[in-house]
Amino acid sequence: RAIHSARQAGACLLGLVENMAGLAHEDGEAAQALFLDPGGEGFAAQVGIPHLGKVPFDPRLAHTTDAGRPFVLKHSETTAGRAILALARRIEAVLETGR
């Protein structure tokens, strides 16, 4: 619905970010799947927008951002922190190159 509304409004869609893409482990292991569906990559392809990245769920993420602190300042080496930093680099590249 949001994609359809944004397109109707003439907004530029950079791409899709998959939120809660698995449960992040504090020890740095790969995120464990939370949902059975195929995820955002297939959906992004289906609606014709780039898939920019996945951010796994980390309970500390909501806690630090609700407190007004950027998550990556303290947790950059966690699974979720690395995913957020990679996403930021990907968005930067899209903005610089247009793709």
PDB file of N, CA and C in Angstrom:
ATOM      1  N   ARG A   1       0.810  -1.187   0.000  1.00  0.00           N
ATOM      2  CA  ARG A   1       0.000   0.000   0.000  1.00  0.00           C
ATOM      3  C   ARG A   1       0.861   1.261   0.000  1.00  0.00           C
ATOM      4  N   ALA A   2       1.902   1.278   0.800  1.00  0.00           N
ATOM      5  CA  ALA A   2       2.759   2.459   0.884  1.00  0.00           C
ATOM      6  C   ALA A   2       3.451   2.728  -0.452  1.00  0.00           C
ATOM      7  N   ILE A   3       3.880   1.673  -1.131  1.00  0.00           N
ATOM      8  CA  ILE A   3       4.550   1.841  -2.422  1.00  0.00           C
ATOM      9  C   ILE A   3       3.582   2.419  -3.438  1.00  0.00           C
ATOM     10  N   HIS A   4       2.377   1.884  -3.468  1.00  0.00           N
ATOM     11  CA  HIS A   4       1.352   2.385  -4.393  1.00  0.00           C
ATOM     12  C   HIS A   4       1.053   3.864  -4.111  1.00  0.00           C
ATOM     13  N   SER A   5       0.889   4.212  -2.851  1.00  0.00           N
ATOM     14  CA  SER A   5       0.603   5.607  -2.471  1.00  0.00           C
ATOM     15  C   SER A   5       1.753   6.528  -2.852  1.00  0.00           C
ATOM     16  N   ALA A   6       2.977   6.087  -2.623  1.00  0.00           N
ATOM     17  CA  ALA A   6       4.143   6.905  -2.952  1.00  0.00           C
ATOM     18  C   ALA A   6       4.234   7.125  -4.456  1.00  0.00           C
ATOM     19  N   ARG A   7       3.966   6.093  -5.212  1.00  0.00           N
ATOM     20  CA  ARG A   7       3.995   6.232  -6.670  1.00  0.00           C
ATOM     21  C   ARG A   7       2.911   7.184  -7.151  1.00  0.00           C
ATOM     22  N   GLN A   8       1.728   7.067  -6.591  1.00  0.00           N
ATOM     23  CA  GLN A   8       0.635   7.969  -6.988  1.00  0.00           C
ATOM     24  C   GLN A   8       0.962   9.415  -6.649  1.00  0.00           C
ATOM     25  N   ALA A   9       1.699   9.636  -5.571  1.00  0.00           N
ATOM     26  CA  ALA A   9       2.073  10.988  -5.156  1.00  0.00           C
ATOM     27  C   ALA A   9       3.262  11.516  -5.955  1.00  0.00           C
ATOM     28  N   GLY A  10       3.864  10.663  -6.780  1.00  0.00           N
ATOM     29  CA  GLY A  10       5.009  11.083  -7.582  1.00  0.00           C
ATOM     30  C   GLY A  10       6.323  11.063  -6.832  1.00  0.00           C
ATOM     31  N   ALA A  11       6.360  10.370  -5.704  1.00  0.00           N
ATOM     32  CA  ALA A  11       7.585  10.301  -4.903  1.00  0.00           C
ATOM     33  C   ALA A  11       8.613   9.394  -5.576  1.00  0.00           C
ATOM     34  N   CYS A  12       9.869   9.727  -5.392  1.00  0.00           N
ATOM     35  CA  CYS A  12      10.963   8.902  -5.890  1.00  0.00           C
ATOM     36  C   CYS A  12      11.211   7.790  -4.865  1.00  0.00           C
ATOM     37  N   LEU A  13      11.147   6.552  -5.313  1.00  0.00           N
ATOM     38  CA  LEU A  13      11.390   5.422  -4.420  1.00  0.00           C
ATOM     39  C   LEU A  13      12.824   4.935  -4.610  1.00  0.00           C
ATOM     40  N   LEU A  14      13.620   5.053  -3.573  1.00  0.00           N
ATOM     41  CA  LEU A  14      15.000   4.579  -3.648  1.00  0.00           C
ATOM     42  C   LEU A  14      15.060   3.061  -3.638  1.00  0.00           C
ATOM     43  N   GLY A  15      14.170   2.441  -2.888  1.00  0.00           N
ATOM     44  CA  GLY A  15      14.163   0.998  -2.788  1.00  0.00           C
ATOM     45  C   GLY A  15      13.505   0.547  -1.512  1.00  0.00           C
ATOM     46  N   LEU A  16      13.607  -0.749  -1.256  1.00  0.00           N
ATOM     47  CA  LEU A  16      12.962  -1.369  -0.105  1.00  0.00           C
ATOM     48  C   LEU A  16      14.013  -1.779   0.919  1.00  0.00           C
ATOM     49  N   VAL A  17      13.744  -1.494   2.175  1.00  0.00           N
ATOM     50  CA  VAL A  17      14.571  -1.951   3.286  1.00  0.00           C
ATOM     51  C   VAL A  17      13.753  -2.970   4.057  1.00  0.00           C
ATOM     52  N   GLU A  18      14.306  -4.146   4.207  1.00  0.00           N
ATOM     53  CA  GLU A  18      13.618  -5.219   4.917  1.00  0.00           C
ATOM     54  C   GLU A  18      13.931  -5.104   6.409  1.00  0.00           C
ATOM     55  N   ASN A  19      12.933  -4.734   7.184  1.00  0.00           N
ATOM     56  CA  ASN A  19      13.066  -4.574   8.625  1.00  0.00           C
ATOM     57  C   ASN A  19      12.684  -5.884   9.315  1.00  0.00           C
ATOM     58  N   MET A  20      13.284  -6.145  10.457  1.00  0.00           N
ATOM     59  CA  MET A  20      13.044  -7.362  11.229  1.00  0.00           C
ATOM     60  C   MET A  20      13.321  -8.604  10.383  1.00  0.00           C
ATOM     61  N   ALA A  21      14.408  -8.557   9.631  1.00  0.00           N
ATOM     62  CA  ALA A  21      14.801  -9.661   8.756  1.00  0.00           C
ATOM     63  C   ALA A  21      15.590 -10.682   9.559  1.00  0.00           C
ATOM     64  N   GLY A  22      14.938 -11.330  10.459  1.00  0.00           N
ATOM     65  CA  GLY A  22      15.576 -12.315  11.316  1.00  0.00           C
ATOM     66  C   GLY A  22      15.872 -11.735  12.690  1.00  0.00           C
ATOM     67  N   LEU A  23      16.240 -12.601  13.592  1.00  0.00           N
ATOM     68  CA  LEU A  23      16.580 -12.216  14.958  1.00  0.00           C
ATOM     69  C   LEU A  23      18.092 -12.198  15.091  1.00  0.00           C
ATOM     70  N   ALA A  24      18.644 -11.030  15.389  1.00  0.00           N
ATOM     71  CA  ALA A  24      20.099 -10.880  15.519  1.00  0.00           C
ATOM     72  C   ALA A  24      20.589 -11.562  16.788  1.00  0.00           C
ATOM     73  N   HIS A  25      21.723 -12.214  16.679  1.00  0.00           N
ATOM     74  CA  HIS A  25      22.359 -12.830  17.838  1.00  0.00           C
ATOM     75  C   HIS A  25      23.439 -11.889  18.357  1.00  0.00           C
ATOM     76  N   GLU A  26      23.541 -11.768  19.657  1.00  0.00           N
ATOM     77  CA  GLU A  26      24.526 -10.863  20.251  1.00  0.00           C
ATOM     78  C   GLU A  26      25.956 -11.305  19.968  1.00  0.00           C
ATOM     79  N   ASP A  27      26.163 -12.584  19.708  1.00  0.00           N
ATOM     80  CA  ASP A  27      27.519 -13.078  19.495  1.00  0.00           C
ATOM     81  C   ASP A  27      28.015 -12.891  18.063  1.00  0.00           C
ATOM     82  N   GLY A  28      27.202 -12.231  17.215  1.00  0.00           N
ATOM     83  CA  GLY A  28      27.635 -11.928  15.860  1.00  0.00           C
ATOM     84  C   GLY A  28      27.293 -12.979  14.828  1.00  0.00           C
ATOM     85  N   GLU A  29      26.641 -14.071  15.248  1.00  0.00           N
ATOM     86  CA  GLU A  29      26.241 -15.086  14.273  1.00  0.00           C
ATOM     87  C   GLU A  29      25.187 -14.531  13.339  1.00  0.00           C
ATOM     88  N   ALA A  30      24.954 -15.222  12.250  1.00  0.00           N
ATOM     89  CA  ALA A  30      23.930 -14.811  11.282  1.00  0.00           C
ATOM     90  C   ALA A  30      22.567 -14.753  11.965  1.00  0.00           C
ATOM     91  N   ALA A  31      21.719 -13.886  11.449  1.00  0.00           N
ATOM     92  CA  ALA A  31      20.391 -13.719  12.017  1.00  0.00           C
ATOM     93  C   ALA A  31      19.549 -14.964  11.765  1.00  0.00           C
ATOM     94  N   GLN A  32      18.771 -15.331  12.775  1.00  0.00           N
ATOM     95  CA  GLN A  32      17.851 -16.466  12.679  1.00  0.00           C
ATOM     96  C   GLN A  32      16.534 -15.964  12.087  1.00  0.00           C
ATOM     97  N   ALA A  33      15.961 -16.683  11.144  1.00  0.00           N
ATOM     98  CA  ALA A  33      14.720 -16.272  10.494  1.00  0.00           C
ATOM     99  C   ALA A  33      13.586 -16.143  11.510  1.00  0.00           C
ATOM    100  N   LEU A  34      12.769 -15.099  11.350  1.00  0.00           N
ATOM    101  CA  LEU A  34      11.591 -14.900  12.195  1.00  0.00           C
ATOM    102  C   LEU A  34      10.307 -15.301  11.478  1.00  0.00           C
ATOM    103  N   PHE A  35      10.297 -15.150  10.168  1.00  0.00           N
ATOM    104  CA  PHE A  35       9.089 -15.382   9.390  1.00  0.00           C
ATOM    105  C   PHE A  35       9.345 -16.446   8.336  1.00  0.00           C
ATOM    106  N   LEU A  36       8.289 -17.095   7.892  1.00  0.00           N
ATOM    107  CA  LEU A  36       8.407 -18.155   6.910  1.00  0.00           C
ATOM    108  C   LEU A  36       8.385 -17.654   5.472  1.00  0.00           C
ATOM    109  N   ASP A  37       7.925 -16.419   5.258  1.00  0.00           N
ATOM    110  CA  ASP A  37       7.810 -15.911   3.890  1.00  0.00           C
ATOM    111  C   ASP A  37       9.192 -15.708   3.267  1.00  0.00           C
ATOM    112  N   PRO A  38       9.245 -15.580   1.941  1.00  0.00           N
ATOM    113  CA  PRO A  38      10.543 -15.471   1.262  1.00  0.00           C
ATOM    114  C   PRO A  38      11.293 -14.169   1.525  1.00  0.00           C
ATOM    115  N   GLY A  39      10.642 -13.174   2.056  1.00  0.00           N
ATOM    116  CA  GLY A  39      11.344 -11.950   2.405  1.00  0.00           C
ATOM    117  C   GLY A  39      11.206 -10.831   1.406  1.00  0.00           C
ATOM    118  N   GLY A  40      11.946  -9.769   1.682  1.00  0.00           N
ATOM    119  CA  GLY A  40      11.824  -8.544   0.917  1.00  0.00           C
ATOM    120  C   GLY A  40      12.408  -8.565  -0.473  1.00  0.00           C
ATOM    121  N   GLU A  41      13.395  -9.400  -0.728  1.00  0.00           N
ATOM    122  CA  GLU A  41      14.016  -9.408  -2.059  1.00  0.00           C
ATOM    123  C   GLU A  41      13.014  -9.778  -3.140  1.00  0.00           C
ATOM    124  N   GLY A  42      12.225 -10.817  -2.890  1.00  0.00           N
ATOM    125  CA  GLY A  42      11.217 -11.224  -3.864  1.00  0.00           C
ATOM    126  C   GLY A  42      10.135 -10.186  -4.020  1.00  0.00           C
ATOM    127  N   PHE A  43       9.722  -9.578  -2.915  1.00  0.00           N
ATOM    128  CA  PHE A  43       8.689  -8.553  -2.977  1.00  0.00           C
ATOM    129  C   PHE A  43       9.179  -7.324  -3.732  1.00  0.00           C
ATOM    130  N   ALA A  44      10.407  -6.917  -3.464  1.00  0.00           N
ATOM    131  CA  ALA A  44      10.966  -5.759  -4.160  1.00  0.00           C
ATOM    132  C   ALA A  44      11.002  -6.008  -5.667  1.00  0.00           C
ATOM    133  N   ALA A  45      11.407  -7.203  -6.057  1.00  0.00           N
ATOM    134  CA  ALA A  45      11.438  -7.544  -7.481  1.00  0.00           C
ATOM    135  C   ALA A  45      10.027  -7.536  -8.061  1.00  0.00           C
ATOM    136  N   GLN A  46       9.089  -8.042  -7.300  1.00  0.00           N
ATOM    137  CA  GLN A  46       7.694  -8.114  -7.748  1.00  0.00           C
ATOM    138  C   GLN A  46       7.119  -6.724  -8.019  1.00  0.00           C
ATOM    139  N   VAL A  47       7.450  -5.751  -7.181  1.00  0.00           N
ATOM    140  CA  VAL A  47       6.905  -4.403  -7.352  1.00  0.00           C
ATOM    141  C   VAL A  47       7.846  -3.486  -8.144  1.00  0.00           C
ATOM    142  N   GLY A  48       8.990  -4.017  -8.562  1.00  0.00           N
ATOM    143  CA  GLY A  48       9.878  -3.279  -9.434  1.00  0.00           C
ATOM    144  C   GLY A  48      10.709  -2.192  -8.787  1.00  0.00           C
ATOM    145  N   ILE A  49      11.155  -2.441  -7.556  1.00  0.00           N
ATOM    146  CA  ILE A  49      12.053  -1.491  -6.900  1.00  0.00           C
ATOM    147  C   ILE A  49      13.270  -2.249  -6.367  1.00  0.00           C
ATOM    148  N   PRO A  50      14.398  -1.570  -6.207  1.00  0.00           N
ATOM    149  CA  PRO A  50      15.592  -2.243  -5.690  1.00  0.00           C
ATOM    150  C   PRO A  50      15.416  -2.683  -4.235  1.00  0.00           C
ATOM    151  N   HIS A  51      16.026  -3.796  -3.902  1.00  0.00           N
ATOM    152  CA  HIS A  51      16.106  -4.248  -2.511  1.00  0.00           C
ATOM    153  C   HIS A  51      17.410  -3.685  -1.962  1.00  0.00           C
ATOM    154  N   LEU A  52      17.317  -2.778  -1.001  1.00  0.00           N
ATOM    155  CA  LEU A  52      18.502  -2.076  -0.500  1.00  0.00           C
ATOM    156  C   LEU A  52      19.244  -2.822   0.598  1.00  0.00           C
ATOM    157  N   GLY A  53      18.524  -3.630   1.354  1.00  0.00           N
ATOM    158  CA  GLY A  53      19.179  -4.355   2.429  1.00  0.00           C
ATOM    159  C   GLY A  53      18.207  -4.882   3.449  1.00  0.00           C
ATOM    160  N   LYS A  54      18.772  -5.632   4.399  1.00  0.00           N
ATOM    161  CA  LYS A  54      18.006  -6.263   5.472  1.00  0.00           C
ATOM    162  C   LYS A  54      18.565  -5.822   6.813  1.00  0.00           C
ATOM    163  N   VAL A  55      17.686  -5.510   7.746  1.00  0.00           N
ATOM    164  CA  VAL A  55      18.110  -5.177   9.101  1.00  0.00           C
ATOM    165  C   VAL A  55      17.449  -6.178  10.049  1.00  0.00           C
ATOM    166  N   PRO A  56      18.231  -7.020  10.715  1.00  0.00           N
ATOM    167  CA  PRO A  56      17.637  -7.981  11.639  1.00  0.00           C
ATOM    168  C   PRO A  56      17.138  -7.296  12.907  1.00  0.00           C
ATOM    169  N   PHE A  57      16.209  -7.953  13.559  1.00  0.00           N
ATOM    170  CA  PHE A  57      15.665  -7.442  14.819  1.00  0.00           C
ATOM    171  C   PHE A  57      16.700  -7.620  15.924  1.00  0.00           C
ATOM    172  N   ASP A  58      16.938  -6.557  16.640  1.00  0.00           N
ATOM    173  CA  ASP A  58      17.813  -6.579  17.812  1.00  0.00           C
ATOM    174  C   ASP A  58      17.100  -5.753  18.875  1.00  0.00           C
ATOM    175  N   PRO A  59      16.724  -6.334  20.006  1.00  0.00           N
ATOM    176  CA  PRO A  59      15.983  -5.595  21.031  1.00  0.00           C
ATOM    177  C   PRO A  59      16.676  -4.309  21.476  1.00  0.00           C
ATOM    178  N   ARG A  60      17.988  -4.275  21.387  1.00  0.00           N
ATOM    179  CA  ARG A  60      18.725  -3.075  21.788  1.00  0.00           C
ATOM    180  C   ARG A  60      18.503  -1.921  20.824  1.00  0.00           C
ATOM    181  N   LEU A  61      18.111  -2.222  19.606  1.00  0.00           N
ATOM    182  CA  LEU A  61      17.890  -1.192  18.595  1.00  0.00           C
ATOM    183  C   LEU A  61      16.789  -0.230  19.023  1.00  0.00           C
ATOM    184  N   ALA A  62      15.639  -0.757  19.392  1.00  0.00           N
ATOM    185  CA  ALA A  62      14.541   0.103  19.836  1.00  0.00           C
ATOM    186  C   ALA A  62      14.911   0.857  21.111  1.00  0.00           C
ATOM    187  N   HIS A  63      15.578   0.177  22.018  1.00  0.00           N
ATOM    188  CA  HIS A  63      15.942   0.807  23.289  1.00  0.00           C
ATOM    189  C   HIS A  63      16.868   2.008  23.087  1.00  0.00           C
ATOM    190  N   THR A  64      17.903   1.851  22.271  1.00  0.00           N
ATOM    191  CA  THR A  64      18.847   2.953  22.087  1.00  0.00           C
ATOM    192  C   THR A  64      18.247   4.088  21.270  1.00  0.00           C
ATOM    193  N   THR A  65      17.484   3.758  20.229  1.00  0.00           N
ATOM    194  CA  THR A  65      16.905   4.838  19.421  1.00  0.00           C
ATOM    195  C   THR A  65      15.795   5.558  20.175  1.00  0.00           C
ATOM    196  N   ASP A  66      15.021   4.833  21.001  1.00  0.00           N
ATOM    197  CA  ASP A  66      14.004   5.495  21.829  1.00  0.00           C
ATOM    198  C   ASP A  66      14.647   6.457  22.821  1.00  0.00           C
ATOM    199  N   ALA A  67      15.879   6.152  23.222  1.00  0.00           N
ATOM    200  CA  ALA A  67      16.609   7.023  24.145  1.00  0.00           C
ATOM    201  C   ALA A  67      17.313   8.163  23.413  1.00  0.00           C
ATOM    202  N   GLY A  68      17.161   8.203  22.078  1.00  0.00           N
ATOM    203  CA  GLY A  68      17.749   9.293  21.304  1.00  0.00           C
ATOM    204  C   GLY A  68      19.200   9.084  20.918  1.00  0.00           C
ATOM    205  N   ARG A  69      19.671   7.841  21.018  1.00  0.00           N
ATOM    206  CA  ARG A  69      21.066   7.548  20.673  1.00  0.00           C
ATOM    207  C   ARG A  69      21.108   6.679  19.415  1.00  0.00           C
ATOM    208  N   PRO A  70      21.949   7.017  18.461  1.00  0.00           N
ATOM    209  CA  PRO A  70      22.091   6.169  17.282  1.00  0.00           C
ATOM    210  C   PRO A  70      22.631   4.784  17.673  1.00  0.00           C
ATOM    211  N   PHE A  71      21.969   3.754  17.246  1.00  0.00           N
ATOM    212  CA  PHE A  71      22.325   2.371  17.575  1.00  0.00           C
ATOM    213  C   PHE A  71      23.763   2.051  17.200  1.00  0.00           C
ATOM    214  N   VAL A  72      24.197   2.502  16.038  1.00  0.00           N
ATOM    215  CA  VAL A  72      25.521   2.108  15.548  1.00  0.00           C
ATOM    216  C   VAL A  72      26.669   2.748  16.319  1.00  0.00           C
ATOM    217  N   LEU A  73      26.412   3.783  17.092  1.00  0.00           N
ATOM    218  CA  LEU A  73      27.502   4.378  17.876  1.00  0.00           C
ATOM    219  C   LEU A  73      28.028   3.409  18.923  1.00  0.00           C
ATOM    220  N   LYS A  74      27.137   2.623  19.493  1.00  0.00           N
ATOM    221  CA  LYS A  74      27.551   1.689  20.538  1.00  0.00           C
ATOM    222  C   LYS A  74      27.599   0.237  20.040  1.00  0.00           C
ATOM    223  N   HIS A  75      26.840  -0.058  18.994  1.00  0.00           N
ATOM    224  CA  HIS A  75      26.681  -1.451  18.569  1.00  0.00           C
ATOM    225  C   HIS A  75      27.059  -1.673  17.106  1.00  0.00           C
ATOM    226  N   SER A  76      28.058  -0.975  16.624  1.00  0.00           N
ATOM    227  CA  SER A  76      28.429  -1.080  15.204  1.00  0.00           C
ATOM    228  C   SER A  76      28.958  -2.453  14.819  1.00  0.00           C
ATOM    229  N   GLU A  77      29.472  -3.207  15.763  1.00  0.00           N
ATOM    230  CA  GLU A  77      30.046  -4.520  15.458  1.00  0.00           C
ATOM    231  C   GLU A  77      29.052  -5.661  15.643  1.00  0.00           C
ATOM    232  N   THR A  78      27.801  -5.351  15.942  1.00  0.00           N
ATOM    233  CA  THR A  78      26.781  -6.391  16.054  1.00  0.00           C
ATOM    234  C   THR A  78      26.232  -6.713  14.675  1.00  0.00           C
ATOM    235  N   THR A  79      25.470  -7.789  14.583  1.00  0.00           N
ATOM    236  CA  THR A  79      24.852  -8.177  13.315  1.00  0.00           C
ATOM    237  C   THR A  79      23.977  -7.048  12.791  1.00  0.00           C
ATOM    238  N   ALA A  80      23.135  -6.491  13.662  1.00  0.00           N
ATOM    239  CA  ALA A  80      22.243  -5.400  13.242  1.00  0.00           C
ATOM    240  C   ALA A  80      23.036  -4.135  12.931  1.00  0.00           C
ATOM    241  N   GLY A  81      24.052  -3.845  13.704  1.00  0.00           N
ATOM    242  CA  GLY A  81      24.874  -2.658  13.459  1.00  0.00           C
ATOM    243  C   GLY A  81      25.570  -2.717  12.113  1.00  0.00           C
ATOM    244  N   ARG A  82      26.143  -3.868  11.794  1.00  0.00           N
ATOM    245  CA  ARG A  82      26.798  -4.028  10.491  1.00  0.00           C
ATOM    246  C   ARG A  82      25.782  -3.905   9.355  1.00  0.00           C
ATOM    247  N   ALA A  83      24.585  -4.432   9.568  1.00  0.00           N
ATOM    248  CA  ALA A  83      23.542  -4.344   8.537  1.00  0.00           C
ATOM    249  C   ALA A  83      23.116  -2.897   8.312  1.00  0.00           C
ATOM    250  N   ILE A  84      22.995  -2.129   9.373  1.00  0.00           N
ATOM    251  CA  ILE A  84      22.603  -0.723   9.250  1.00  0.00           C
ATOM    252  C   ILE A  84      23.694   0.076   8.538  1.00  0.00           C
ATOM    253  N   LEU A  85      24.944  -0.170   8.888  1.00  0.00           N
ATOM    254  CA  LEU A  85      26.041   0.538   8.230  1.00  0.00           C
ATOM    255  C   LEU A  85      26.125   0.172   6.751  1.00  0.00           C
ATOM    256  N   ALA A  86      25.912  -1.098   6.419  1.00  0.00           N
ATOM    257  CA  ALA A  86      25.906  -1.519   5.012  1.00  0.00           C
ATOM    258  C   ALA A  86      24.743  -0.862   4.272  1.00  0.00           C
ATOM    259  N   LEU A  87      23.612  -0.771   4.919  1.00  0.00           N
ATOM    260  CA  LEU A  87      22.450  -0.115   4.323  1.00  0.00           C
ATOM    261  C   LEU A  87      22.739   1.362   4.067  1.00  0.00           C
ATOM    262  N   ALA A  88      23.381   2.022   4.993  1.00  0.00           N
ATOM    263  CA  ALA A  88      23.729   3.435   4.817  1.00  0.00           C
ATOM    264  C   ALA A  88      24.662   3.615   3.613  1.00  0.00           C
ATOM    265  N   ARG A  89      25.635   2.711   3.474  1.00  0.00           N
ATOM    266  CA  ARG A  89      26.541   2.779   2.316  1.00  0.00           C
ATOM    267  C   ARG A  89      25.779   2.539   1.015  1.00  0.00           C
ATOM    268  N   ARG A  90      24.843   1.606   1.042  1.00  0.00           N
ATOM    269  CA  ARG A  90      24.049   1.310  -0.156  1.00  0.00           C
ATOM    270  C   ARG A  90      23.181   2.504  -0.541  1.00  0.00           C
ATOM    271  N   ILE A  91      22.539   3.136   0.422  1.00  0.00           N
ATOM    272  CA  ILE A  91      21.705   4.314   0.145  1.00  0.00           C
ATOM    273  C   ILE A  91      22.566   5.448  -0.387  1.00  0.00           C
ATOM    274  N   GLU A  92      23.734   5.632   0.201  1.00  0.00           N
ATOM    275  CA  GLU A  92      24.652   6.662  -0.274  1.00  0.00           C
ATOM    276  C   GLU A  92      25.016   6.423  -1.739  1.00  0.00           C
ATOM    277  N   ALA A  93      25.294   5.173  -2.096  1.00  0.00           N
ATOM    278  CA  ALA A  93      25.649   4.825  -3.476  1.00  0.00           C
ATOM    279  C   ALA A  93      24.476   5.099  -4.421  1.00  0.00           C
ATOM    280  N   VAL A  94      23.263   4.752  -3.999  1.00  0.00           N
ATOM    281  CA  VAL A  94      22.079   5.003  -4.821  1.00  0.00           C
ATOM    282  C   VAL A  94      21.901   6.493  -5.041  1.00  0.00           C
ATOM    283  N   LEU A  95      22.085   7.286  -4.001  1.00  0.00           N
ATOM    284  CA  LEU A  95      21.929   8.735  -4.123  1.00  0.00           C
ATOM    285  C   LEU A  95      23.002   9.345  -5.023  1.00  0.00           C
ATOM    286  N   GLU A  96      24.231   8.797  -4.954  1.00  0.00           N
ATOM    287  CA  GLU A  96      25.315   9.337  -5.775  1.00  0.00           C
ATOM    288  C   GLU A  96      25.194   8.941  -7.237  1.00  0.00           C
ATOM    289  N   THR A  97      24.782   7.703  -7.502  1.00  0.00           N
ATOM    290  CA  THR A  97      24.781   7.198  -8.866  1.00  0.00           C
ATOM    291  C   THR A  97      23.399   7.151  -9.512  1.00  0.00           C
ATOM    292  N   GLY A  98      22.370   7.199  -8.688  1.00  0.00           N
ATOM    293  CA  GLY A  98      21.008   7.071  -9.215  1.00  0.00           C
ATOM    294  C   GLY A  98      20.577   5.634  -9.429  1.00  0.00           C
ATOM    295  N   ARG A  99      21.406   4.665  -8.999  1.00  0.00           N
ATOM    296  CA  ARG A  99      21.014   3.255  -9.081  1.00  0.00           C
ATOM    297  C   ARG A  99      21.632   2.446  -7.974  1.00  0.00           C
TER     298      ARG A  99
END
